Amino acid sequence: MILIHHNPACATSRNVLQTIEAAGYAPVVIDYLEQGWTRAQLLGLFAAAGLTPRTALRETKSPAAELGLLEPGISDDRILDAMLEHPVLVNRPIVCSAKGVRLCRPSETVLDLLDTWPQGPFAKEDGEIIIDAAGQRTGTPGFAG
């Protein structure tokens, strides 16, 4: 099973979902802006992905600056409390699969979580090719797909 914490208004999130579906998966899609988060859910996702509230904080196109969350010395607990009140503060998309949990930025990071990839050539919505015609990942030197 693949699960994606998704924001349909975000191009990166749309690219990740498109990649998952093009690879033949039917992911569970959670619109976290509508459903919100629980403290336990965020702490579990962050621990599994190797993130902290600070590293998972969406700094742009969010109220992070107005809430004073970008100031030095702000505790992870304060950031986490703000994320619970303002779900948009969590950077996205976060994808869970049998291969692990990752914040998929850039969107091609999702390939690390998939056993099967979309048939190449495959491009993001902006036209950038992420899988070439031979089925190889592009743009990641040294990566063997």
N, C-alpha and C. Protein backbone atom coordinates (compact mmCIF):
# COMPACT_ATOMS: atom_id res chain seq x y z
N MET A 1 0.84 -1.19 0.00
CA MET A 1 0.00 0.00 0.00
C MET A 1 0.88 1.25 0.00
N ILE A 2 0.44 2.24 -0.73
CA ILE A 2 1.11 3.53 -0.74
C ILE A 2 0.12 4.58 -0.26
N LEU A 3 0.59 5.44 0.60
CA LEU A 3 -0.25 6.51 1.15
C LEU A 3 0.46 7.82 0.89
N ILE A 4 -0.30 8.82 0.43
CA ILE A 4 0.27 10.14 0.17
C ILE A 4 -0.53 11.20 0.93
N HIS A 5 0.18 11.99 1.70
CA HIS A 5 -0.42 13.17 2.35
C HIS A 5 -0.30 14.27 1.31
N HIS A 6 -1.42 14.65 0.73
CA HIS A 6 -1.48 15.39 -0.53
C HIS A 6 -2.16 16.74 -0.38
N ASN A 7 -1.64 17.71 -1.14
CA ASN A 7 -2.29 19.01 -1.29
C ASN A 7 -2.52 19.19 -2.78
N PRO A 8 -3.76 19.09 -3.26
CA PRO A 8 -4.01 19.18 -4.69
C PRO A 8 -3.65 20.52 -5.31
N ALA A 9 -3.46 21.56 -4.52
CA ALA A 9 -3.08 22.87 -5.05
C ALA A 9 -1.57 22.99 -5.25
N CYS A 10 -0.81 22.00 -4.82
CA CYS A 10 0.66 22.04 -4.88
C CYS A 10 1.16 21.23 -6.08
N ALA A 11 1.95 21.87 -6.95
CA ALA A 11 2.47 21.19 -8.15
C ALA A 11 3.34 19.99 -7.77
N THR A 12 4.18 20.13 -6.76
CA THR A 12 5.04 19.02 -6.35
C THR A 12 4.18 17.84 -5.90
N SER A 13 3.16 18.12 -5.12
CA SER A 13 2.27 17.06 -4.64
C SER A 13 1.53 16.41 -5.81
N ARG A 14 1.07 17.21 -6.76
CA ARG A 14 0.40 16.65 -7.94
C ARG A 14 1.35 15.78 -8.75
N ASN A 15 2.60 16.22 -8.90
CA ASN A 15 3.59 15.43 -9.64
C ASN A 15 3.84 14.08 -8.96
N VAL A 16 3.94 14.09 -7.65
CA VAL A 16 4.17 12.85 -6.91
C VAL A 16 2.99 11.90 -7.09
N LEU A 17 1.78 12.41 -6.93
CA LEU A 17 0.60 11.57 -7.10
C LEU A 17 0.53 11.03 -8.53
N GLN A 18 0.80 11.86 -9.51
CA GLN A 18 0.79 11.42 -10.91
C GLN A 18 1.82 10.32 -11.13
N THR A 19 3.00 10.44 -10.55
CA THR A 19 4.05 9.44 -10.71
C THR A 19 3.61 8.11 -10.09
N ILE A 20 3.05 8.17 -8.90
CA ILE A 20 2.58 6.95 -8.23
C ILE A 20 1.53 6.25 -9.07
N GLU A 21 0.54 7.02 -9.54
CA GLU A 21 -0.55 6.43 -10.32
C GLU A 21 -0.06 5.91 -11.67
N ALA A 22 0.86 6.63 -12.32
CA ALA A 22 1.40 6.19 -13.61
C ALA A 22 2.22 4.91 -13.47
N ALA A 23 2.73 4.66 -12.28
CA ALA A 23 3.49 3.43 -12.01
C ALA A 23 2.55 2.25 -11.76
N GLY A 24 1.24 2.51 -11.73
CA GLY A 24 0.27 1.43 -11.59
C GLY A 24 -0.28 1.24 -10.19
N TYR A 25 0.04 2.13 -9.29
CA TYR A 25 -0.45 2.03 -7.92
C TYR A 25 -1.76 2.81 -7.76
N ALA A 26 -2.57 2.39 -6.80
CA ALA A 26 -3.80 3.09 -6.42
C ALA A 26 -3.59 3.56 -4.97
N PRO A 27 -2.94 4.70 -4.80
CA PRO A 27 -2.58 5.13 -3.45
C PRO A 27 -3.78 5.59 -2.63
N VAL A 28 -3.62 5.51 -1.32
CA VAL A 28 -4.56 6.15 -0.41
C VAL A 28 -4.15 7.62 -0.37
N VAL A 29 -5.06 8.51 -0.70
CA VAL A 29 -4.76 9.94 -0.77
C VAL A 29 -5.43 10.63 0.41
N ILE A 30 -4.60 11.28 1.21
CA ILE A 30 -5.12 12.02 2.36
C ILE A 30 -4.92 13.50 2.10
N ASP A 31 -6.02 14.23 2.00
CA ASP A 31 -5.97 15.68 1.85
C ASP A 31 -5.82 16.25 3.26
N TYR A 32 -4.57 16.45 3.66
CA TYR A 32 -4.30 16.84 5.05
C TYR A 32 -4.80 18.25 5.37
N LEU A 33 -5.01 19.09 4.37
CA LEU A 33 -5.56 20.42 4.64
C LEU A 33 -7.01 20.30 5.11
N GLU A 34 -7.72 19.31 4.57
CA GLU A 34 -9.11 19.09 4.98
C GLU A 34 -9.19 18.29 6.27
N GLN A 35 -8.37 17.24 6.37
CA GLN A 35 -8.46 16.34 7.52
C GLN A 35 -7.66 16.81 8.73
N GLY A 36 -6.65 17.63 8.49
CA GLY A 36 -5.79 18.06 9.58
C GLY A 36 -4.86 16.95 10.02
N TRP A 37 -4.14 17.21 11.08
CA TRP A 37 -3.16 16.27 11.62
C TRP A 37 -3.46 16.01 13.09
N THR A 38 -2.95 14.91 13.60
CA THR A 38 -2.90 14.70 15.04
C THR A 38 -1.43 14.77 15.44
N ARG A 39 -1.19 15.06 16.70
CA ARG A 39 0.18 15.12 17.20
C ARG A 39 0.90 13.78 16.98
N ALA A 40 0.23 12.69 17.34
CA ALA A 40 0.84 11.37 17.20
C ALA A 40 1.14 11.06 15.73
N GLN A 41 0.23 11.43 14.86
CA GLN A 41 0.43 11.19 13.43
C GLN A 41 1.68 11.93 12.93
N LEU A 42 1.78 13.21 13.24
CA LEU A 42 2.95 13.98 12.80
C LEU A 42 4.24 13.45 13.40
N LEU A 43 4.23 13.16 14.68
CA LEU A 43 5.44 12.65 15.32
C LEU A 43 5.86 11.32 14.71
N GLY A 44 4.89 10.46 14.41
CA GLY A 44 5.20 9.18 13.76
C GLY A 44 5.75 9.35 12.36
N LEU A 45 5.13 10.22 11.57
CA LEU A 45 5.62 10.47 10.21
C LEU A 45 7.02 11.07 10.23
N PHE A 46 7.21 12.06 11.11
CA PHE A 46 8.52 12.71 11.18
C PHE A 46 9.60 11.73 11.60
N ALA A 47 9.31 10.90 12.60
CA ALA A 47 10.30 9.92 13.06
C ALA A 47 10.64 8.93 11.94
N ALA A 48 9.63 8.45 11.24
CA ALA A 48 9.85 7.48 10.16
C ALA A 48 10.62 8.09 8.99
N ALA A 49 10.43 9.38 8.74
CA ALA A 49 11.08 10.05 7.61
C ALA A 49 12.40 10.72 8.00
N GLY A 50 12.76 10.66 9.28
CA GLY A 50 14.00 11.30 9.72
C GLY A 50 13.89 12.82 9.73
N LEU A 51 12.70 13.32 10.02
CA LEU A 51 12.46 14.76 10.04
C LEU A 51 12.21 15.23 11.47
N THR A 52 12.30 16.51 11.66
CA THR A 52 11.87 17.16 12.89
C THR A 52 10.79 18.16 12.50
N PRO A 53 10.04 18.67 13.45
CA PRO A 53 9.09 19.71 13.08
C PRO A 53 9.76 20.87 12.34
N ARG A 54 10.96 21.25 12.75
CA ARG A 54 11.67 22.35 12.08
C ARG A 54 12.01 21.99 10.64
N THR A 55 12.52 20.78 10.39
CA THR A 55 12.90 20.42 9.02
C THR A 55 11.69 20.14 8.13
N ALA A 56 10.54 19.85 8.74
CA ALA A 56 9.32 19.61 7.98
C ALA A 56 8.47 20.87 7.82
N LEU A 57 8.93 21.97 8.37
CA LEU A 57 8.17 23.22 8.34
C LEU A 57 8.18 23.83 6.94
N ARG A 58 7.01 24.12 6.42
CA ARG A 58 6.90 24.84 5.14
C ARG A 58 7.08 26.32 5.44
N GLU A 59 8.18 26.87 4.97
CA GLU A 59 8.52 28.25 5.30
C GLU A 59 7.93 29.27 4.36
N THR A 60 7.70 28.89 3.09
CA THR A 60 7.13 29.81 2.12
C THR A 60 5.69 29.42 1.84
N LYS A 61 4.91 30.37 1.37
CA LYS A 61 3.50 30.14 1.05
C LYS A 61 2.77 29.50 2.23
N SER A 62 3.14 29.94 3.43
CA SER A 62 2.49 29.48 4.65
C SER A 62 2.57 30.62 5.67
N PRO A 63 1.85 30.51 6.77
CA PRO A 63 1.92 31.56 7.79
C PRO A 63 3.12 31.44 8.74
N ALA A 64 4.14 30.68 8.38
CA ALA A 64 5.28 30.44 9.27
C ALA A 64 5.93 31.74 9.75
N ALA A 65 6.18 32.68 8.84
CA ALA A 65 6.83 33.93 9.23
C ALA A 65 5.94 34.76 10.15
N GLU A 66 4.65 34.89 9.78
CA GLU A 66 3.74 35.69 10.60
C GLU A 66 3.57 35.11 12.00
N LEU A 67 3.71 33.80 12.13
CA LEU A 67 3.56 33.15 13.43
C LEU A 67 4.86 33.15 14.23
N GLY A 68 5.92 33.73 13.64
CA GLY A 68 7.20 33.81 14.34
C GLY A 68 7.96 32.49 14.40
N LEU A 69 7.58 31.53 13.54
CA LEU A 69 8.19 30.20 13.60
C LEU A 69 9.57 30.13 12.96
N LEU A 70 9.96 31.17 12.24
CA LEU A 70 11.27 31.16 11.57
C LEU A 70 12.36 31.76 12.45
N GLU A 71 11.98 32.28 13.59
CA GLU A 71 12.95 32.90 14.50
C GLU A 71 13.83 31.83 15.14
N PRO A 72 15.11 32.17 15.39
CA PRO A 72 15.98 31.20 16.06
C PRO A 72 15.45 30.90 17.46
N GLY A 73 15.65 29.67 17.90
CA GLY A 73 15.28 29.30 19.25
C GLY A 73 13.84 28.86 19.43
N ILE A 74 13.04 28.86 18.36
CA ILE A 74 11.65 28.39 18.47
C ILE A 74 11.69 26.87 18.66
N SER A 75 11.01 26.39 19.66
CA SER A 75 11.06 24.96 19.98
C SER A 75 10.27 24.13 18.98
N ASP A 76 10.66 22.85 18.87
CA ASP A 76 9.92 21.92 18.04
C ASP A 76 8.48 21.78 18.53
N ASP A 77 8.28 21.83 19.86
CA ASP A 77 6.92 21.73 20.41
C ASP A 77 6.04 22.89 19.93
N ARG A 78 6.61 24.09 19.90
CA ARG A 78 5.84 25.25 19.42
C ARG A 78 5.51 25.10 17.93
N ILE A 79 6.48 24.64 17.16
CA ILE A 79 6.25 24.43 15.73
C ILE A 79 5.18 23.36 15.53
N LEU A 80 5.28 22.27 16.29
CA LEU A 80 4.30 21.19 16.18
C LEU A 80 2.90 21.67 16.54
N ASP A 81 2.79 22.45 17.61
CA ASP A 81 1.48 23.02 17.98
C ASP A 81 0.91 23.86 16.85
N ALA A 82 1.76 24.66 16.21
CA ALA A 82 1.31 25.51 15.10
C ALA A 82 0.88 24.65 13.90
N MET A 83 1.59 23.54 13.66
CA MET A 83 1.23 22.65 12.56
C MET A 83 -0.14 22.02 12.78
N LEU A 84 -0.46 21.74 14.02
CA LEU A 84 -1.77 21.17 14.33
C LEU A 84 -2.87 22.19 14.10
N GLU A 85 -2.59 23.44 14.39
CA GLU A 85 -3.56 24.51 14.19
C GLU A 85 -3.65 24.96 12.73
N HIS A 86 -2.51 24.92 12.03
CA HIS A 86 -2.42 25.36 10.63
C HIS A 86 -1.77 24.23 9.81
N PRO A 87 -2.54 23.26 9.33
CA PRO A 87 -1.98 22.10 8.62
C PRO A 87 -1.07 22.46 7.44
N VAL A 88 -1.29 23.62 6.83
CA VAL A 88 -0.48 24.03 5.68
C VAL A 88 0.99 24.23 6.04
N LEU A 89 1.31 24.32 7.32
CA LEU A 89 2.69 24.51 7.76
C LEU A 89 3.55 23.27 7.54
N VAL A 90 2.93 22.12 7.30
CA VAL A 90 3.70 20.89 7.08
C VAL A 90 4.06 20.82 5.61
N ASN A 91 5.37 20.70 5.35
CA ASN A 91 5.83 20.58 3.97
C ASN A 91 5.28 19.28 3.38
N ARG A 92 5.06 19.28 2.09
CA ARG A 92 4.41 18.15 1.44
C ARG A 92 5.02 17.89 0.08
N PRO A 93 4.67 16.74 -0.45
CA PRO A 93 3.88 15.65 0.08
C PRO A 93 4.74 14.68 0.89
N ILE A 94 4.13 14.05 1.85
CA ILE A 94 4.78 12.98 2.60
C ILE A 94 4.16 11.68 2.12
N VAL A 95 5.03 10.76 1.69
CA VAL A 95 4.58 9.50 1.11
C VAL A 95 5.07 8.35 1.98
N CYS A 96 4.18 7.38 2.20
CA CYS A 96 4.49 6.18 2.97
C CYS A 96 4.33 4.97 2.05
N SER A 97 5.32 4.10 2.03
CA SER A 97 5.23 2.85 1.27
C SER A 97 5.98 1.78 2.05
N ALA A 98 5.98 0.57 1.53
CA ALA A 98 6.72 -0.52 2.17
C ALA A 98 8.21 -0.22 2.23
N LYS A 99 8.68 0.68 1.37
CA LYS A 99 10.10 1.04 1.34
C LYS A 99 10.46 2.17 2.29
N GLY A 100 9.47 2.77 2.96
CA GLY A 100 9.76 3.82 3.91
C GLY A 100 8.82 5.01 3.81
N VAL A 101 9.22 6.06 4.50
CA VAL A 101 8.44 7.31 4.55
C VAL A 101 9.38 8.43 4.15
N ARG A 102 8.93 9.29 3.24
CA ARG A 102 9.78 10.39 2.78
C ARG A 102 8.95 11.63 2.53
N LEU A 103 9.58 12.77 2.78
CA LEU A 103 9.08 14.04 2.27
C LEU A 103 9.57 14.09 0.84
N CYS A 104 8.67 14.07 -0.12
CA CYS A 104 9.03 13.93 -1.54
C CYS A 104 9.19 15.28 -2.21
N ARG A 105 10.26 15.97 -1.84
CA ARG A 105 10.68 17.22 -2.46
C ARG A 105 12.15 17.07 -2.79
N PRO A 106 12.55 17.11 -4.02
CA PRO A 106 11.73 17.28 -5.23
C PRO A 106 10.87 16.04 -5.49
N SER A 107 9.92 16.19 -6.38
CA SER A 107 8.90 15.15 -6.58
C SER A 107 9.48 13.81 -7.03
N GLU A 108 10.60 13.82 -7.75
CA GLU A 108 11.16 12.55 -8.21
C GLU A 108 11.72 11.70 -7.06
N THR A 109 11.80 12.27 -5.87
CA THR A 109 12.20 11.51 -4.69
C THR A 109 11.27 10.33 -4.46
N VAL A 110 10.02 10.44 -4.91
CA VAL A 110 9.06 9.35 -4.72
C VAL A 110 9.54 8.07 -5.39
N LEU A 111 10.37 8.16 -6.41
CA LEU A 111 10.85 6.96 -7.10
C LEU A 111 11.60 6.04 -6.13
N ASP A 112 12.22 6.61 -5.10
CA ASP A 112 12.93 5.81 -4.10
C ASP A 112 11.98 4.91 -3.31
N LEU A 113 10.69 5.25 -3.30
CA LEU A 113 9.70 4.51 -2.52
C LEU A 113 8.89 3.52 -3.34
N LEU A 114 9.15 3.44 -4.64
CA LEU A 114 8.35 2.60 -5.53
C LEU A 114 9.15 1.41 -6.03
N ASP A 115 8.52 0.23 -6.03
CA ASP A 115 9.14 -0.95 -6.61
C ASP A 115 9.05 -0.91 -8.13
N THR A 116 7.98 -0.31 -8.64
CA THR A 116 7.73 -0.21 -10.07
C THR A 116 7.63 1.27 -10.42
N TRP A 117 8.27 1.65 -11.53
CA TRP A 117 8.23 3.04 -11.97
C TRP A 117 7.32 3.18 -13.19
N PRO A 118 6.89 4.41 -13.49
CA PRO A 118 6.15 4.63 -14.73
C PRO A 118 7.02 4.28 -15.93
N GLN A 119 6.38 3.89 -17.02
CA GLN A 119 7.12 3.62 -18.25
C GLN A 119 7.70 4.92 -18.77
N GLY A 120 8.95 4.88 -19.21
CA GLY A 120 9.59 6.07 -19.75
C GLY A 120 9.33 6.24 -21.23
N PRO A 121 9.51 7.41 -21.77
CA PRO A 121 9.87 8.61 -21.01
C PRO A 121 8.69 9.11 -20.18
N PHE A 122 9.01 9.65 -19.00
CA PHE A 122 7.99 10.15 -18.10
C PHE A 122 8.43 11.52 -17.60
N ALA A 123 7.49 12.48 -17.65
CA ALA A 123 7.82 13.86 -17.29
C ALA A 123 6.89 14.38 -16.21
N LYS A 124 7.40 15.35 -15.46
CA LYS A 124 6.58 16.09 -14.50
C LYS A 124 5.67 17.03 -15.30
N GLU A 125 4.72 17.66 -14.62
CA GLU A 125 3.76 18.52 -15.33
C GLU A 125 4.41 19.72 -16.00
N ASP A 126 5.63 20.10 -15.57
CA ASP A 126 6.32 21.22 -16.23
C ASP A 126 7.13 20.77 -17.44
N GLY A 127 7.08 19.46 -17.76
CA GLY A 127 7.78 18.93 -18.92
C GLY A 127 9.14 18.34 -18.62
N GLU A 128 9.66 18.51 -17.40
CA GLU A 128 10.97 17.96 -17.05
C GLU A 128 10.90 16.43 -17.02
N ILE A 129 11.77 15.79 -17.82
CA ILE A 129 11.82 14.33 -17.90
C ILE A 129 12.50 13.81 -16.63
N ILE A 130 11.83 12.86 -15.94
CA ILE A 130 12.45 12.26 -14.76
C ILE A 130 12.79 10.79 -14.97
N ILE A 131 12.17 10.17 -16.00
CA ILE A 131 12.52 8.81 -16.41
C ILE A 131 12.67 8.85 -17.92
N ASP A 132 13.84 8.41 -18.40
CA ASP A 132 14.09 8.49 -19.84
C ASP A 132 13.43 7.32 -20.59
N ALA A 133 13.58 7.31 -21.91
CA ALA A 133 12.94 6.29 -22.75
C ALA A 133 13.42 4.88 -22.43
N ALA A 134 14.63 4.76 -21.88
CA ALA A 134 15.18 3.46 -21.51
C ALA A 134 14.71 3.02 -20.11
N GLY A 135 13.89 3.86 -19.46
CA GLY A 135 13.39 3.51 -18.14
C GLY A 135 14.34 3.87 -17.01
N GLN A 136 15.36 4.69 -17.30
CA GLN A 136 16.34 5.09 -16.30
C GLN A 136 15.98 6.45 -15.71
N ARG A 137 16.24 6.59 -14.44
CA ARG A 137 16.03 7.86 -13.74
C ARG A 137 17.02 8.88 -14.29
N THR A 138 16.55 10.10 -14.51
CA THR A 138 17.42 11.16 -15.00
C THR A 138 17.73 12.13 -13.87
N GLY A 139 18.79 12.90 -14.03
CA GLY A 139 19.09 13.98 -13.10
C GLY A 139 19.66 13.55 -11.76
N THR A 140 19.95 12.27 -11.56
CA THR A 140 20.51 11.83 -10.30
C THR A 140 21.77 11.02 -10.59
N PRO A 141 22.93 11.72 -10.68
CA PRO A 141 24.17 11.01 -10.98
C PRO A 141 24.43 9.88 -9.98
N GLY A 142 24.84 8.75 -10.53
CA GLY A 142 25.22 7.63 -9.67
C GLY A 142 24.05 6.77 -9.20
N PHE A 143 22.82 7.16 -9.56
CA PHE A 143 21.67 6.39 -9.11
C PHE A 143 21.41 5.26 -10.10
N ALA A 144 21.26 4.07 -9.61
CA ALA A 144 20.91 2.94 -10.46
C ALA A 144 19.46 2.57 -10.18
N GLY A 145 18.59 2.80 -11.15
CA GLY A 145 17.16 2.55 -10.98
C GLY A 145 16.92 1.13 -10.98
